[in-house]
PDB file of N, CA and C in Angstrom:
ATOM      1  N   MET A   1      12.177  44.147   4.222  1.00  0.00           N
ATOM      2  CA  MET A   1      12.663  42.748   3.962  1.00  0.00           C
ATOM      3  C   MET A   1      11.494  41.999   3.153  1.00  0.00           C
ATOM      4  N   THR A   2      12.173  41.395   2.106  1.00  0.00           N
ATOM      5  CA  THR A   2      11.266  40.750   0.979  1.00  0.00           C
ATOM      6  C   THR A   2      11.306  39.088   1.150  1.00  0.00           C
ATOM      7  N   VAL A   3      10.084  38.606   0.982  1.00  0.00           N
ATOM      8  CA  VAL A   3       9.954  37.018   1.359  1.00  0.00           C
ATOM      9  C   VAL A   3       9.772  36.601  -0.314  1.00  0.00           C
ATOM     10  N   SER A   4      10.424  35.525  -0.515  1.00  0.00           N
ATOM     11  CA  SER A   4      10.606  35.194  -1.944  1.00  0.00           C
ATOM     12  C   SER A   4       8.879  34.470  -2.011  1.00  0.00           C
ATOM     13  N   PRO A   5       8.419  34.265  -3.081  1.00  0.00           N
ATOM     14  CA  PRO A   5       7.128  33.726  -3.203  1.00  0.00           C
ATOM     15  C   PRO A   5       7.323  32.166  -3.102  1.00  0.00           C
ATOM     16  N   LEU A   6       8.082  31.654  -3.049  1.00  0.00           N
ATOM     17  CA  LEU A   6       8.247  30.148  -2.787  1.00  0.00           C
ATOM     18  C   LEU A   6       8.737  29.682  -1.328  1.00  0.00           C
ATOM     19  N   PHE A   7       8.537  30.761  -0.327  1.00  0.00           N
ATOM     20  CA  PHE A   7       9.109  30.573   0.991  1.00  0.00           C
ATOM     21  C   PHE A   7       8.476  29.262   1.230  1.00  0.00           C
ATOM     22  N   GLU A   8       9.451  28.466   1.858  1.00  0.00           N
ATOM     23  CA  GLU A   8       8.778  27.337   2.765  1.00  0.00           C
ATOM     24  C   GLU A   8       8.206  26.183   1.797  1.00  0.00           C
ATOM     25  N   TRP A   9       7.762  26.723   0.592  1.00  0.00           N
ATOM     26  CA  TRP A   9       7.171  25.631  -0.421  1.00  0.00           C
ATOM     27  C   TRP A   9       7.985  24.486  -0.717  1.00  0.00           C
ATOM     28  N   GLU A  10       9.647  24.863  -0.718  1.00  0.00           N
ATOM     29  CA  GLU A  10      10.356  23.809  -1.384  1.00  0.00           C
ATOM     30  C   GLU A  10      10.167  22.715  -0.255  1.00  0.00           C
ATOM     31  N   THR A  11      10.093  23.204   0.967  1.00  0.00           N
ATOM     32  CA  THR A  11      10.065  22.135   2.281  1.00  0.00           C
ATOM     33  C   THR A  11       8.618  21.080   2.055  1.00  0.00           C
ATOM     34  N   VAL A  12       7.454  21.742   1.606  1.00  0.00           N
ATOM     35  CA  VAL A  12       6.355  20.804   1.700  1.00  0.00           C
ATOM     36  C   VAL A  12       6.660  20.110   0.100  1.00  0.00           C
ATOM     37  N   ALA A  13       7.145  20.402  -0.835  1.00  0.00           N
ATOM     38  CA  ALA A  13       7.651  20.006  -2.083  1.00  0.00           C
ATOM     39  C   ALA A  13       8.328  18.649  -1.807  1.00  0.00           C
ATOM     40  N   VAL A  14       9.296  18.751  -1.099  1.00  0.00           N
ATOM     41  CA  VAL A  14      10.146  17.825  -0.809  1.00  0.00           C
ATOM     42  C   VAL A  14       9.541  16.539   0.068  1.00  0.00           C
ATOM     43  N   VAL A  15       8.715  16.834   1.176  1.00  0.00           N
ATOM     44  CA  VAL A  15       7.935  16.040   2.146  1.00  0.00           C
ATOM     45  C   VAL A  15       6.959  15.494   1.281  1.00  0.00           C
ATOM     46  N   VAL A  16       6.204  16.066   0.103  1.00  0.00           N
ATOM     47  CA  VAL A  16       5.363  15.175  -0.692  1.00  0.00           C
ATOM     48  C   VAL A  16       6.181  14.407  -1.400  1.00  0.00           C
ATOM     49  N   ALA A  17       7.255  14.805  -2.417  1.00  0.00           N
ATOM     50  CA  ALA A  17       8.029  13.986  -2.964  1.00  0.00           C
ATOM     51  C   ALA A  17       8.376  12.713  -2.139  1.00  0.00           C
ATOM     52  N   LEU A  18       8.763  12.894  -1.208  1.00  0.00           N
ATOM     53  CA  LEU A  18       9.028  11.759  -0.086  1.00  0.00           C
ATOM     54  C   LEU A  18       7.998  10.653   0.212  1.00  0.00           C
ATOM     55  N   VAL A  19       6.707  11.066   0.660  1.00  0.00           N
ATOM     56  CA  VAL A  19       5.541  10.442   0.582  1.00  0.00           C
ATOM     57  C   VAL A  19       5.034   9.342  -0.649  1.00  0.00           C
ATOM     58  N   ALA A  20       5.476  10.356  -1.577  1.00  0.00           N
ATOM     59  CA  ALA A  20       4.940   9.491  -2.925  1.00  0.00           C
ATOM     60  C   ALA A  20       6.201   8.230  -3.105  1.00  0.00           C
ATOM     61  N   VAL A  21       7.595   8.760  -2.893  1.00  0.00           N
ATOM     62  CA  VAL A  21       8.283   7.215  -2.917  1.00  0.00           C
ATOM     63  C   VAL A  21       8.049   6.282  -2.318  1.00  0.00           C
ATOM     64  N   VAL A  22       7.573   6.729  -0.885  1.00  0.00           N
ATOM     65  CA  VAL A  22       7.532   5.699  -0.139  1.00  0.00           C
ATOM     66  C   VAL A  22       6.529   4.950  -0.380  1.00  0.00           C
ATOM     67  N   ALA A  23       5.122   5.594  -0.778  1.00  0.00           N
ATOM     68  CA  ALA A  23       4.285   4.849  -1.438  1.00  0.00           C
ATOM     69  C   ALA A  23       4.249   4.046  -2.440  1.00  0.00           C
ATOM     70  N   LEU A  24       4.872   4.474  -3.081  1.00  0.00           N
ATOM     71  CA  LEU A  24       5.485   3.460  -4.620  1.00  0.00           C
ATOM     72  C   LEU A  24       6.113   2.251  -4.156  1.00  0.00           C
ATOM     73  N   LEU A  25       7.097   2.533  -3.106  1.00  0.00           N
ATOM     74  CA  LEU A  25       7.825   1.304  -2.610  1.00  0.00           C
ATOM     75  C   LEU A  25       6.952   0.318  -1.921  1.00  0.00           C
ATOM     76  N   VAL A  26       6.198   0.850  -1.163  1.00  0.00           N
ATOM     77  CA  VAL A  26       4.960  -0.060  -0.499  1.00  0.00           C
ATOM     78  C   VAL A  26       4.216  -0.914  -1.523  1.00  0.00           C
ATOM     79  N   ALA A  27       3.710   0.126  -2.854  1.00  0.00           N
ATOM     80  CA  ALA A  27       2.839  -0.644  -3.732  1.00  0.00           C
ATOM     81  C   ALA A  27       3.809  -1.718  -4.551  1.00  0.00           C
ATOM     82  N   VAL A  28       5.067  -1.279  -4.449  1.00  0.00           N
ATOM     83  CA  VAL A  28       5.726  -2.421  -5.095  1.00  0.00           C
ATOM     84  C   VAL A  28       6.104  -3.672  -4.508  1.00  0.00           C
ATOM     85  N   ALA A  29       6.218  -3.316  -3.239  1.00  0.00           N
ATOM     86  CA  ALA A  29       6.592  -4.455  -2.071  1.00  0.00           C
ATOM     87  C   ALA A  29       5.273  -5.242  -2.201  1.00  0.00           C
ATOM     88  N   LEU A  30       3.885  -4.930  -2.243  1.00  0.00           N
ATOM     89  CA  LEU A  30       3.117  -5.544  -2.294  1.00  0.00           C
ATOM     90  C   LEU A  30       2.553  -6.410  -3.508  1.00  0.00           C
ATOM     91  N   VAL A  31       2.859  -5.777  -4.764  1.00  0.00           N
ATOM     92  CA  VAL A  31       2.788  -6.517  -5.862  1.00  0.00           C
ATOM     93  C   VAL A  31       3.881  -7.875  -6.189  1.00  0.00           C
ATOM     94  N   ALA A  32       4.826  -7.096  -5.391  1.00  0.00           N
ATOM     95  CA  ALA A  32       6.037  -8.583  -5.815  1.00  0.00           C
ATOM     96  C   ALA A  32       5.626  -9.565  -4.613  1.00  0.00           C
ATOM     97  N   GLY A  33       4.576  -9.377  -3.655  1.00  0.00           N
ATOM     98  CA  GLY A  33       4.199 -10.773  -3.048  1.00  0.00           C
ATOM     99  C   GLY A  33       4.835 -10.523  -1.510  1.00  0.00           C
ATOM    100  N   ILE A  34       5.169  -9.606  -1.141  1.00  0.00           N
ATOM    101  CA  ILE A  34       6.164  -9.912   0.296  1.00  0.00           C
ATOM    102  C   ILE A  34       4.741 -10.239   1.382  1.00  0.00           C
ATOM    103  N   GLY A  35       3.442  -9.772   0.961  1.00  0.00           N
ATOM    104  CA  GLY A  35       2.621 -10.334   1.948  1.00  0.00           C
ATOM    105  C   GLY A  35       1.518 -11.515   1.880  1.00  0.00           C
ATOM    106  N   ARG A  36       1.979 -12.273   0.992  1.00  0.00           N
ATOM    107  CA  ARG A  36       1.558 -13.348   0.486  1.00  0.00           C
ATOM    108  C   ARG A  36       1.095 -14.323   1.504  1.00  0.00           C
ATOM    109  N   GLY A  37       1.735 -14.172   2.573  1.00  0.00           N
ATOM    110  CA  GLY A  37       1.670 -15.462   4.098  1.00  0.00           C
ATOM    111  C   GLY A  37       0.181 -15.044   4.185  1.00  0.00           C
ATOM    112  N   SER A  38       0.167 -13.548   4.663  1.00  0.00           N
ATOM    113  CA  SER A  38      -1.261 -13.377   5.207  1.00  0.00           C
ATOM    114  C   SER A  38      -2.427 -13.726   4.386  1.00  0.00           C
ATOM    115  N   ARG A  39      -2.105 -13.378   2.869  1.00  0.00           N
ATOM    116  CA  ARG A  39      -3.082 -13.708   1.914  1.00  0.00           C
ATOM    117  C   ARG A  39      -3.756 -15.235   1.808  1.00  0.00           C
ATOM    118  N   ARG A  40      -2.689 -16.178   2.301  1.00  0.00           N
ATOM    119  CA  ARG A  40      -3.003 -17.548   2.250  1.00  0.00           C
ATOM    120  C   ARG A  40      -3.750 -17.544   3.607  1.00  0.00           C
ATOM    121  N   ASP A  41      -3.511 -16.967   4.638  1.00  0.00           N
ATOM    122  CA  ASP A  41      -4.349 -16.979   6.041  1.00  0.00           C
ATOM    123  C   ASP A  41      -5.628 -16.585   5.567  1.00  0.00           C
ATOM    124  N   TRP A  42      -5.943 -15.633   4.509  1.00  0.00           N
ATOM    125  CA  TRP A  42      -7.162 -14.681   4.791  1.00  0.00           C
ATOM    126  C   TRP A  42      -7.945 -15.974   3.655  1.00  0.00           C
ATOM    127  N   GLU A  43      -7.272 -16.572   2.849  1.00  0.00           N
ATOM    128  CA  GLU A  43      -7.966 -17.860   1.665  1.00  0.00           C
ATOM    129  C   GLU A  43      -8.187 -18.738   2.549  1.00  0.00           C
ATOM    130  N   ALA A  44      -7.422 -18.930   3.660  1.00  0.00           N
ATOM    131  CA  ALA A  44      -8.157 -20.329   4.323  1.00  0.00           C
ATOM    132  C   ALA A  44      -9.171 -19.934   5.216  1.00  0.00           C
ATOM    133  N   TRP A  45      -9.178 -18.833   5.957  1.00  0.00           N
ATOM    134  CA  TRP A  45     -10.166 -18.779   6.700  1.00  0.00           C
ATOM    135  C   TRP A  45     -11.730 -18.408   5.809  1.00  0.00           C
ATOM    136  N   LEU A  46     -11.569 -17.876   4.552  1.00  0.00           N
ATOM    137  CA  LEU A  46     -12.460 -17.803   3.714  1.00  0.00           C
ATOM    138  C   LEU A  46     -13.106 -19.032   3.154  1.00  0.00           C
ATOM    139  N   ALA A  47     -12.082 -20.079   2.825  1.00  0.00           N
ATOM    140  CA  ALA A  47     -12.395 -21.423   2.697  1.00  0.00           C
ATOM    141  C   ALA A  47     -13.364 -22.290   4.051  1.00  0.00           C
ATOM    142  N   SER A  48     -12.920 -21.877   5.029  1.00  0.00           N
ATOM    143  CA  SER A  48     -13.296 -22.588   6.025  1.00  0.00           C
ATOM    144  C   SER A  48     -14.735 -21.850   6.345  1.00  0.00           C
ATOM    145  N   ARG A  49     -15.035 -21.022   5.831  1.00  0.00           N
ATOM    146  CA  ARG A  49     -17.084 -20.470   5.985  1.00  0.00           C
ATOM    147  C   ARG A  49     -17.650 -21.039   4.980  1.00  0.00           C
ATOM    148  N   ALA A  50     -16.761 -21.105   3.562  1.00  0.00           N
ATOM    149  CA  ALA A  50     -17.782 -22.010   2.500  1.00  0.00           C
ATOM    150  C   ALA A  50     -18.505 -23.030   2.964  1.00  0.00           C
ATOM    151  N   PRO A  51     -19.472 -23.235   2.081  1.00  0.00           N
ATOM    152  CA  PRO A  51     -20.757 -24.206   2.274  1.00  0.00           C
ATOM    153  C   PRO A  51     -19.793 -25.537   1.702  1.00  0.00           C
ATOM    154  N   HIS A  52     -19.858 -26.534   2.562  1.00  0.00           N
ATOM    155  CA  HIS A  52     -18.734 -27.660   2.251  1.00  0.00           C
ATOM    156  C   HIS A  52     -19.545 -28.611   1.471  1.00  0.00           C
ATOM    157  N   GLY A  53     -20.574 -28.593   1.043  1.00  0.00           N
ATOM    158  CA  GLY A  53     -21.005 -29.825   0.465  1.00  0.00           C
ATOM    159  C   GLY A  53     -21.611 -29.262  -1.340  1.00  0.00           C
ATOM    160  N   GLU A  54     -20.890 -27.825  -1.254  1.00  0.00           N
ATOM    161  CA  GLU A  54     -21.293 -27.324  -2.689  1.00  0.00           C
ATOM    162  C   GLU A  54     -20.039 -27.099  -3.601  1.00  0.00           C
ATOM    163  N   ASP A  55     -19.854 -27.242  -4.841  1.00  0.00           N
ATOM    164  CA  ASP A  55     -18.717 -27.113  -5.694  1.00  0.00           C
ATOM    165  C   ASP A  55     -18.692 -25.467  -5.601  1.00  0.00           C
ATOM    166  N   ARG A  56     -17.239 -24.944  -5.424  1.00  0.00           N
ATOM    167  CA  ARG A  56     -16.756 -23.722  -5.590  1.00  0.00           C
ATOM    168  C   ARG A  56     -16.543 -22.920  -6.813  1.00  0.00           C
ATOM    169  N   PRO A  57     -16.693 -22.068  -7.210  1.00  0.00           N
ATOM    170  CA  PRO A  57     -16.588 -21.669  -8.984  1.00  0.00           C
ATOM    171  C   PRO A  57     -15.138 -21.619  -9.078  1.00  0.00           C
TER     172      PRO A  57
END
């Protein structure tokens, strides 16, 4: 009985490719601004912690 040198590696390659595609889609979604609402909340929280008497750059 012989086993091909790439036995089961095609499955690993498919999984790695799918993970890469999902990561790319998440990156595009973040860059497109889907999460901007939470960014506004973060910026508001940071602004509330800033000293109030000084000018911010």
